[in-house]
Amino acid sequence: MGVTKSACGDPAVGQAMLRGGATALADSRLANLAKLRAAGVRAPLWLLRASI
């Protein structure tokens, strides 16, 4: 799983992670996940949240 949070959900970074072997992408922000999906990323997307 590639985490795109540090790249602000940049689709190019997400695609590079997928080409490098990641099978899914994760981020802690819904807006970043929406950006990935809007850019055509079809891999599974996960929303990261810490439990308190």
PDB file of N, CA and C in Angstrom:
ATOM      1  N   MET A   1       0.849  -1.169   0.000  1.00  0.00           N
ATOM      2  CA  MET A   1       0.000   0.000   0.000  1.00  0.00           C
ATOM      3  C   MET A   1       0.895   1.233   0.000  1.00  0.00           C
ATOM      4  N   GLY A   2       0.623   2.145  -0.928  1.00  0.00           N
ATOM      5  CA  GLY A   2       1.357   3.404  -0.977  1.00  0.00           C
ATOM      6  C   GLY A   2       0.572   4.490  -0.261  1.00  0.00           C
ATOM      7  N   VAL A   3       1.244   5.310   0.518  1.00  0.00           N
ATOM      8  CA  VAL A   3       0.598   6.404   1.244  1.00  0.00           C
ATOM      9  C   VAL A   3       0.958   7.718   0.553  1.00  0.00           C
ATOM     10  N   THR A   4      -0.068   8.423   0.077  1.00  0.00           N
ATOM     11  CA  THR A   4       0.153   9.638  -0.710  1.00  0.00           C
ATOM     12  C   THR A   4       0.040  10.923   0.098  1.00  0.00           C
ATOM     13  N   LYS A   5      -0.128  10.818   1.407  1.00  0.00           N
ATOM     14  CA  LYS A   5      -0.333  12.014   2.233  1.00  0.00           C
ATOM     15  C   LYS A   5       0.800  13.020   2.094  1.00  0.00           C
ATOM     16  N   SER A   6       2.026  12.557   2.094  1.00  0.00           N
ATOM     17  CA  SER A   6       3.156  13.492   2.033  1.00  0.00           C
ATOM     18  C   SER A   6       3.257  14.186   0.671  1.00  0.00           C
ATOM     19  N   ALA A   7       2.578  13.639  -0.338  1.00  0.00           N
ATOM     20  CA  ALA A   7       2.577  14.248  -1.674  1.00  0.00           C
ATOM     21  C   ALA A   7       1.252  14.968  -1.946  1.00  0.00           C
ATOM     22  N   CYS A   8       0.454  15.176  -0.901  1.00  0.00           N
ATOM     23  CA  CYS A   8      -0.850  15.852  -1.030  1.00  0.00           C
ATOM     24  C   CYS A   8      -1.751  15.185  -2.061  1.00  0.00           C
ATOM     25  N   GLY A   9      -1.661  13.865  -2.157  1.00  0.00           N
ATOM     26  CA  GLY A   9      -2.513  13.122  -3.069  1.00  0.00           C
ATOM     27  C   GLY A   9      -2.189  13.351  -4.538  1.00  0.00           C
ATOM     28  N   ASP A  10      -0.966  13.704  -4.833  1.00  0.00           N
ATOM     29  CA  ASP A  10      -0.566  13.951  -6.231  1.00  0.00           C
ATOM     30  C   ASP A  10      -0.775  12.684  -7.053  1.00  0.00           C
ATOM     31  N   PRO A  11      -1.613  12.742  -8.093  1.00  0.00           N
ATOM     32  CA  PRO A  11      -1.883  11.547  -8.896  1.00  0.00           C
ATOM     33  C   PRO A  11      -0.631  10.956  -9.546  1.00  0.00           C
ATOM     34  N   ALA A  12       0.321  11.776  -9.960  1.00  0.00           N
ATOM     35  CA  ALA A  12       1.547  11.253 -10.575  1.00  0.00           C
ATOM     36  C   ALA A  12       2.332  10.415  -9.574  1.00  0.00           C
ATOM     37  N   VAL A  13       2.354  10.849  -8.331  1.00  0.00           N
ATOM     38  CA  VAL A  13       3.045  10.089  -7.280  1.00  0.00           C
ATOM     39  C   VAL A  13       2.295   8.791  -7.008  1.00  0.00           C
ATOM     40  N   GLY A  14       0.989   8.864  -6.934  1.00  0.00           N
ATOM     41  CA  GLY A  14       0.195   7.655  -6.725  1.00  0.00           C
ATOM     42  C   GLY A  14       0.384   6.649  -7.842  1.00  0.00           C
ATOM     43  N   GLN A  15       0.390   7.118  -9.080  1.00  0.00           N
ATOM     44  CA  GLN A  15       0.602   6.214 -10.212  1.00  0.00           C
ATOM     45  C   GLN A  15       1.990   5.591 -10.155  1.00  0.00           C
ATOM     46  N   ALA A  16       2.989   6.374  -9.762  1.00  0.00           N
ATOM     47  CA  ALA A  16       4.348   5.830  -9.637  1.00  0.00           C
ATOM     48  C   ALA A  16       4.395   4.742  -8.568  1.00  0.00           C
ATOM     49  N   MET A  17       3.690   4.950  -7.457  1.00  0.00           N
ATOM     50  CA  MET A  17       3.643   3.930  -6.403  1.00  0.00           C
ATOM     51  C   MET A  17       3.006   2.645  -6.933  1.00  0.00           C
ATOM     52  N   LEU A  18       1.944   2.797  -7.711  1.00  0.00           N
ATOM     53  CA  LEU A  18       1.274   1.623  -8.267  1.00  0.00           C
ATOM     54  C   LEU A  18       2.173   0.904  -9.267  1.00  0.00           C
ATOM     55  N   ARG A  19       2.867   1.655 -10.114  1.00  0.00           N
ATOM     56  CA  ARG A  19       3.803   1.027 -11.057  1.00  0.00           C
ATOM     57  C   ARG A  19       4.944   0.335 -10.322  1.00  0.00           C
ATOM     58  N   GLY A  20       5.283   0.844  -9.139  1.00  0.00           N
ATOM     59  CA  GLY A  20       6.355   0.258  -8.347  1.00  0.00           C
ATOM     60  C   GLY A  20       5.926  -0.958  -7.540  1.00  0.00           C
ATOM     61  N   GLY A  21       4.665  -1.314  -7.598  1.00  0.00           N
ATOM     62  CA  GLY A  21       4.221  -2.532  -6.932  1.00  0.00           C
ATOM     63  C   GLY A  21       3.140  -2.363  -5.878  1.00  0.00           C
ATOM     64  N   ALA A  22       2.805  -1.139  -5.515  1.00  0.00           N
ATOM     65  CA  ALA A  22       1.714  -0.948  -4.544  1.00  0.00           C
ATOM     66  C   ALA A  22       0.415  -1.453  -5.168  1.00  0.00           C
ATOM     67  N   THR A  23      -0.436  -2.050  -4.357  1.00  0.00           N
ATOM     68  CA  THR A  23      -1.703  -2.569  -4.859  1.00  0.00           C
ATOM     69  C   THR A  23      -2.887  -1.698  -4.452  1.00  0.00           C
ATOM     70  N   ALA A  24      -2.634  -0.706  -3.602  1.00  0.00           N
ATOM     71  CA  ALA A  24      -3.668   0.218  -3.145  1.00  0.00           C
ATOM     72  C   ALA A  24      -2.974   1.505  -2.708  1.00  0.00           C
ATOM     73  N   LEU A  25      -3.759   2.577  -2.592  1.00  0.00           N
ATOM     74  CA  LEU A  25      -3.232   3.855  -2.119  1.00  0.00           C
ATOM     75  C   LEU A  25      -4.028   4.306  -0.907  1.00  0.00           C
ATOM     76  N   ALA A  26      -3.370   5.015  -0.010  1.00  0.00           N
ATOM     77  CA  ALA A  26      -4.023   5.491   1.207  1.00  0.00           C
ATOM     78  C   ALA A  26      -3.640   6.940   1.470  1.00  0.00           C
ATOM     79  N   ASP A  27      -4.547   7.650   2.123  1.00  0.00           N
ATOM     80  CA  ASP A  27      -4.314   9.046   2.486  1.00  0.00           C
ATOM     81  C   ASP A  27      -5.196   9.349   3.692  1.00  0.00           C
ATOM     82  N   SER A  28      -4.858  10.383   4.418  1.00  0.00           N
ATOM     83  CA  SER A  28      -5.653  10.746   5.584  1.00  0.00           C
ATOM     84  C   SER A  28      -6.673  11.834   5.269  1.00  0.00           C
ATOM     85  N   ARG A  29      -6.706  12.295   4.024  1.00  0.00           N
ATOM     86  CA  ARG A  29      -7.635  13.360   3.636  1.00  0.00           C
ATOM     87  C   ARG A  29      -8.533  12.909   2.492  1.00  0.00           C
ATOM     88  N   LEU A  30      -9.836  13.078   2.691  1.00  0.00           N
ATOM     89  CA  LEU A  30     -10.797  12.702   1.653  1.00  0.00           C
ATOM     90  C   LEU A  30     -10.567  13.485   0.365  1.00  0.00           C
ATOM     91  N   ALA A  31     -10.191  14.750   0.473  1.00  0.00           N
ATOM     92  CA  ALA A  31      -9.957  15.571  -0.717  1.00  0.00           C
ATOM     93  C   ALA A  31      -8.832  14.992  -1.565  1.00  0.00           C
ATOM     94  N   ASN A  32      -7.800  14.469  -0.920  1.00  0.00           N
ATOM     95  CA  ASN A  32      -6.692  13.862  -1.668  1.00  0.00           C
ATOM     96  C   ASN A  32      -7.134  12.572  -2.361  1.00  0.00           C
ATOM     97  N   LEU A  33      -7.955  11.783  -1.685  1.00  0.00           N
ATOM     98  CA  LEU A  33      -8.463  10.559  -2.305  1.00  0.00           C
ATOM     99  C   LEU A  33      -9.370  10.898  -3.489  1.00  0.00           C
ATOM    100  N   ALA A  34     -10.176  11.944  -3.351  1.00  0.00           N
ATOM    101  CA  ALA A  34     -11.035  12.379  -4.452  1.00  0.00           C
ATOM    102  C   ALA A  34     -10.198  12.847  -5.637  1.00  0.00           C
ATOM    103  N   LYS A  35      -9.090  13.525  -5.363  1.00  0.00           N
ATOM    104  CA  LYS A  35      -8.199  13.982  -6.425  1.00  0.00           C
ATOM    105  C   LYS A  35      -7.616  12.792  -7.186  1.00  0.00           C
ATOM    106  N   LEU A  36      -7.219  11.762  -6.461  1.00  0.00           N
ATOM    107  CA  LEU A  36      -6.685  10.561  -7.099  1.00  0.00           C
ATOM    108  C   LEU A  36      -7.733   9.903  -7.988  1.00  0.00           C
ATOM    109  N   ARG A  37      -8.938   9.760  -7.468  1.00  0.00           N
ATOM    110  CA  ARG A  37     -10.013   9.105  -8.231  1.00  0.00           C
ATOM    111  C   ARG A  37     -10.370   9.937  -9.463  1.00  0.00           C
ATOM    112  N   ALA A  38     -10.437  11.264  -9.312  1.00  0.00           N
ATOM    113  CA  ALA A  38     -10.769  12.147 -10.439  1.00  0.00           C
ATOM    114  C   ALA A  38      -9.707  12.085 -11.532  1.00  0.00           C
ATOM    115  N   ALA A  39      -8.474  11.774 -11.142  1.00  0.00           N
ATOM    116  CA  ALA A  39      -7.378  11.672 -12.104  1.00  0.00           C
ATOM    117  C   ALA A  39      -7.345  10.308 -12.791  1.00  0.00           C
ATOM    118  N   GLY A  40      -8.285   9.446 -12.434  1.00  0.00           N
ATOM    119  CA  GLY A  40      -8.375   8.153 -13.107  1.00  0.00           C
ATOM    120  C   GLY A  40      -7.720   6.997 -12.396  1.00  0.00           C
ATOM    121  N   VAL A  41      -7.279   7.183 -11.166  1.00  0.00           N
ATOM    122  CA  VAL A  41      -6.675   6.079 -10.406  1.00  0.00           C
ATOM    123  C   VAL A  41      -7.789   5.098 -10.051  1.00  0.00           C
ATOM    124  N   ARG A  42      -7.649   3.861 -10.476  1.00  0.00           N
ATOM    125  CA  ARG A  42      -8.676   2.839 -10.259  1.00  0.00           C
ATOM    126  C   ARG A  42      -8.312   1.847  -9.163  1.00  0.00           C
ATOM    127  N   ALA A  43      -7.151   1.993  -8.566  1.00  0.00           N
ATOM    128  CA  ALA A  43      -6.735   1.096  -7.478  1.00  0.00           C
ATOM    129  C   ALA A  43      -7.620   1.338  -6.249  1.00  0.00           C
ATOM    130  N   PRO A  44      -7.687   0.372  -5.345  1.00  0.00           N
ATOM    131  CA  PRO A  44      -8.410   0.594  -4.093  1.00  0.00           C
ATOM    132  C   PRO A  44      -7.799   1.772  -3.328  1.00  0.00           C
ATOM    133  N   LEU A  45      -8.670   2.602  -2.741  1.00  0.00           N
ATOM    134  CA  LEU A  45      -8.224   3.757  -1.958  1.00  0.00           C
ATOM    135  C   LEU A  45      -8.686   3.569  -0.517  1.00  0.00           C
ATOM    136  N   TRP A  46      -7.781   3.864   0.416  1.00  0.00           N
ATOM    137  CA  TRP A  46      -8.073   3.707   1.836  1.00  0.00           C
ATOM    138  C   TRP A  46      -7.961   5.052   2.526  1.00  0.00           C
ATOM    139  N   LEU A  47      -8.871   5.327   3.435  1.00  0.00           N
ATOM    140  CA  LEU A  47      -8.809   6.527   4.271  1.00  0.00           C
ATOM    141  C   LEU A  47      -8.127   6.155   5.574  1.00  0.00           C
ATOM    142  N   LEU A  48      -7.019   6.814   5.849  1.00  0.00           N
ATOM    143  CA  LEU A  48      -6.256   6.539   7.072  1.00  0.00           C
ATOM    144  C   LEU A  48      -6.775   7.407   8.215  1.00  0.00           C
ATOM    145  N   ARG A  49      -7.038   6.797   9.335  1.00  0.00           N
ATOM    146  CA  ARG A  49      -7.456   7.509  10.542  1.00  0.00           C
ATOM    147  C   ARG A  49      -6.829   6.837  11.751  1.00  0.00           C
ATOM    148  N   ALA A  50      -6.396   7.644  12.675  1.00  0.00           N
ATOM    149  CA  ALA A  50      -5.833   7.102  13.915  1.00  0.00           C
ATOM    150  C   ALA A  50      -6.976   6.860  14.902  1.00  0.00           C
ATOM    151  N   SER A  51      -6.887   5.778  15.623  1.00  0.00           N
ATOM    152  CA  SER A  51      -7.876   5.530  16.666  1.00  0.00           C
ATOM    153  C   SER A  51      -7.434   6.244  17.934  1.00  0.00           C
ATOM    154  N   ILE A  52      -8.413   6.724  18.659  1.00  0.00           N
ATOM    155  CA  ILE A  52      -8.087   7.465  19.884  1.00  0.00           C
ATOM    156  C   ILE A  52      -8.520   6.678  21.098  1.00  0.00           C
TER     157      ILE A  52
END
